[in-house]
């Protein structure tokens, strides 16, 4: 059975790997004052627990191709479980959808799209509107400038040093 308690060392490992997922185990071990073997055991345990879900590279897409980002607020016709499930199951199939959040307030979902152009975005919206997702209304906000884009969670401010999972 996997130990479901994480400690300050685990949090440090997670924080360091968020910053550099390619960090060599020996370097990681040195930063947390462990030898390589126990460090690797901790990383493997964090992976088995599902706390580390993968490793990837952060791409500077606008250095490859000019793109636009659009934040779109969707309200669906019916506030039923079935209607929400239908929307959620459909929206995940659009590769241009980078984030989708169910929220509270004046709309149901906030979705961030990344597209080649406004025309590309509008074609996706038209497909969504023509589908059986039953969007009641939507509002689009084109991102003019990205001020902050974080992929790392501030673990040291979110998690106690001894956390039960």
Protein backbone atom coordinates (compact mmCIF):
# COMPACT_ATOMS: atom_id res chain seq x y z
CA UNK A 1 0.00 0.00 0.00
CA UNK A 2 1.21 3.50 -0.83
CA UNK A 3 1.89 5.79 2.10
CA UNK A 4 -0.64 8.58 1.65
CA UNK A 5 1.18 11.15 3.78
CA UNK A 6 3.44 13.72 2.18
CA UNK A 7 5.97 15.74 4.10
CA UNK A 8 8.03 18.89 3.57
CA UNK A 9 10.64 16.96 1.56
CA UNK A 10 7.95 15.64 -0.79
CA UNK A 11 6.62 19.17 -1.24
CA UNK A 12 10.13 20.39 -2.06
CA UNK A 13 10.56 17.58 -4.60
CA UNK A 14 7.25 18.50 -6.24
CA UNK A 15 8.19 22.18 -6.32
CA UNK A 16 11.60 21.50 -7.85
CA UNK A 17 10.22 19.11 -10.47
CA UNK A 18 7.55 21.65 -11.43
CA UNK A 19 10.33 24.10 -12.25
CA UNK A 20 12.50 21.55 -14.04
CA UNK A 21 10.98 18.18 -14.89
CA UNK A 22 14.23 17.16 -16.57
CA UNK A 23 16.30 17.55 -13.40
CA UNK A 24 18.57 14.56 -12.89
CA UNK A 25 17.84 12.49 -9.82
CA UNK A 26 21.35 13.09 -8.45
CA UNK A 27 20.85 16.87 -8.70
CA UNK A 28 17.41 16.64 -7.11
CA UNK A 29 18.81 14.52 -4.30
CA UNK A 30 21.52 17.11 -3.66
CA UNK A 31 18.97 19.91 -3.36
CA UNK A 32 16.94 18.03 -0.74
CA UNK A 33 19.91 16.59 1.17
CA UNK A 34 19.16 12.93 0.41
CA UNK A 35 21.19 10.30 -1.35
CA UNK A 36 20.08 9.33 -4.86
CA UNK A 37 18.30 6.07 -3.98
CA UNK A 38 15.89 7.42 -1.32
CA UNK A 39 15.25 10.46 -3.51
CA UNK A 40 14.27 8.25 -6.45
CA UNK A 41 12.05 6.15 -4.16
CA UNK A 42 10.22 9.31 -3.10
CA UNK A 43 9.75 10.44 -6.71
CA UNK A 44 8.41 6.99 -7.68
CA UNK A 45 6.03 7.07 -4.70
CA UNK A 46 4.78 10.53 -5.70
CA UNK A 47 4.22 9.23 -9.24
CA UNK A 48 2.31 6.16 -7.95
CA UNK A 49 0.16 8.43 -5.78
CA UNK A 50 -0.76 10.38 -8.90
CA UNK A 51 0.75 13.61 -7.58
CA UNK A 52 3.20 13.65 -10.50
CA UNK A 53 1.05 13.09 -13.57
CA UNK A 54 3.70 13.52 -16.24
CA UNK A 55 6.63 15.54 -17.48
CA UNK A 56 6.56 18.02 -20.33
CA UNK A 57 8.02 21.09 -21.95
CA UNK A 58 6.52 24.58 -21.86
CA UNK A 59 6.36 25.73 -25.48
CA UNK A 60 6.67 29.38 -26.58
CA UNK A 61 3.98 28.97 -29.25
CA UNK A 62 4.15 32.57 -30.48
CA UNK A 63 7.81 32.05 -31.41
CA UNK A 64 6.62 29.27 -33.70
CA UNK A 65 3.39 30.77 -35.02
CA UNK A 66 1.31 33.87 -34.29
CA UNK A 67 -1.80 32.83 -32.41
CA UNK A 68 -4.66 34.43 -30.54
CA UNK A 69 -6.12 33.46 -27.21
CA UNK A 70 -9.79 33.97 -26.52
CA UNK A 71 -11.51 33.66 -23.16
CA UNK A 72 -15.09 32.58 -23.72
CA UNK A 73 -17.88 32.47 -21.17
CA UNK A 74 -20.62 29.98 -22.00
CA UNK A 75 -24.10 29.69 -20.55
CA UNK A 76 -25.95 26.50 -21.42
CA UNK A 77 -29.71 26.22 -21.96
CA UNK A 78 -30.56 23.82 -19.16
CA UNK A 79 -29.01 23.73 -15.72
CA UNK A 80 -29.30 19.96 -15.48
CA UNK A 81 -26.66 17.35 -14.82
CA UNK A 82 -27.25 15.86 -18.27
CA UNK A 83 -26.76 19.24 -19.99
CA UNK A 84 -23.55 19.91 -18.06
CA UNK A 85 -22.20 16.43 -18.84
CA UNK A 86 -22.99 16.89 -22.53
CA UNK A 87 -21.13 20.23 -22.62
CA UNK A 88 -18.13 18.86 -20.71
CA UNK A 89 -17.87 15.73 -22.86
CA UNK A 90 -18.03 17.79 -26.05
CA UNK A 91 -15.65 20.62 -25.13
CA UNK A 92 -12.72 18.32 -24.30
CA UNK A 93 -12.59 17.14 -27.92
CA UNK A 94 -11.51 20.53 -29.27
CA UNK A 95 -7.69 20.63 -29.28
CA UNK A 96 -7.84 24.45 -29.25
CA UNK A 97 -9.37 24.34 -25.76
CA UNK A 98 -6.54 24.91 -23.32
CA UNK A 99 -8.61 25.28 -20.13
CA UNK A 100 -12.25 24.84 -19.21
CA UNK A 101 -13.67 25.80 -15.82
CA UNK A 102 -17.15 25.33 -14.38
CA UNK A 103 -17.82 28.37 -12.23
CA UNK A 104 -20.47 30.26 -10.38
CA UNK A 105 -21.97 33.62 -11.21
CA UNK A 106 -23.38 34.98 -14.44
CA UNK A 107 -22.20 32.14 -16.69
CA UNK A 108 -21.59 28.40 -16.48
CA UNK A 109 -18.17 27.84 -18.09
CA UNK A 110 -15.04 29.83 -18.84
CA UNK A 111 -13.00 28.35 -21.68
CA UNK A 112 -9.61 29.47 -22.96
CA UNK A 113 -9.05 28.83 -26.66
CA UNK A 114 -5.80 29.21 -28.59
CA UNK A 115 -6.37 29.65 -32.33
CA UNK A 116 -4.58 30.64 -35.54
CA UNK A 117 -6.86 33.63 -36.09
CA UNK A 118 -10.21 35.18 -35.25
CA UNK A 119 -11.65 33.34 -38.26
CA UNK A 120 -10.37 30.03 -36.87
CA UNK A 121 -11.92 30.82 -33.47
CA UNK A 122 -15.22 31.82 -35.08
CA UNK A 123 -15.35 28.56 -37.05
CA UNK A 124 -14.97 26.58 -33.81
CA UNK A 125 -17.67 28.64 -32.11
CA UNK A 126 -19.98 28.03 -35.06
CA UNK A 127 -19.43 24.28 -34.80
CA UNK A 128 -20.19 24.44 -31.07
CA UNK A 129 -23.34 26.50 -31.64
CA UNK A 130 -24.52 24.15 -34.40
CA UNK A 131 -23.99 21.07 -32.21
CA UNK A 132 -26.45 19.65 -29.71
CA UNK A 133 -24.56 21.09 -26.73
CA UNK A 134 -27.32 23.72 -26.46
CA UNK A 135 -25.36 26.85 -25.69
CA UNK A 136 -27.77 29.58 -24.61
CA UNK A 137 -25.26 32.41 -24.98
CA UNK A 138 -21.56 33.10 -25.04
CA UNK A 139 -19.26 36.09 -24.62
CA UNK A 140 -15.79 36.23 -26.16
CA UNK A 141 -12.84 38.23 -24.87
CA UNK A 142 -9.72 38.37 -27.03
CA UNK A 143 -6.52 38.40 -24.98
CA UNK A 144 -4.51 41.48 -25.92
CA UNK A 145 -1.45 40.70 -23.80
CA UNK A 146 -0.55 37.83 -21.50
CA UNK A 147 0.69 39.28 -18.23
CA UNK A 148 1.17 36.10 -16.17
CA UNK A 149 1.05 32.48 -17.28
CA UNK A 150 2.02 30.06 -14.56
CA UNK A 151 2.12 26.32 -14.80
CA UNK A 152 3.63 25.80 -11.35
CA UNK A 153 1.45 25.64 -8.26
CA UNK A 154 2.73 27.64 -5.23
CA UNK A 155 2.95 24.50 -3.11
CA UNK A 156 4.74 26.10 -0.18
CA UNK A 157 1.82 28.50 0.35
CA UNK A 158 -0.96 25.99 -0.36
CA UNK A 159 0.10 22.89 1.55
CA UNK A 160 0.96 22.27 5.18
CA UNK A 161 4.27 20.51 5.73
CA UNK A 162 2.46 17.37 6.90
CA UNK A 163 -0.47 16.66 4.61
CA UNK A 164 -2.72 13.64 4.64
CA UNK A 165 -4.03 12.65 1.19
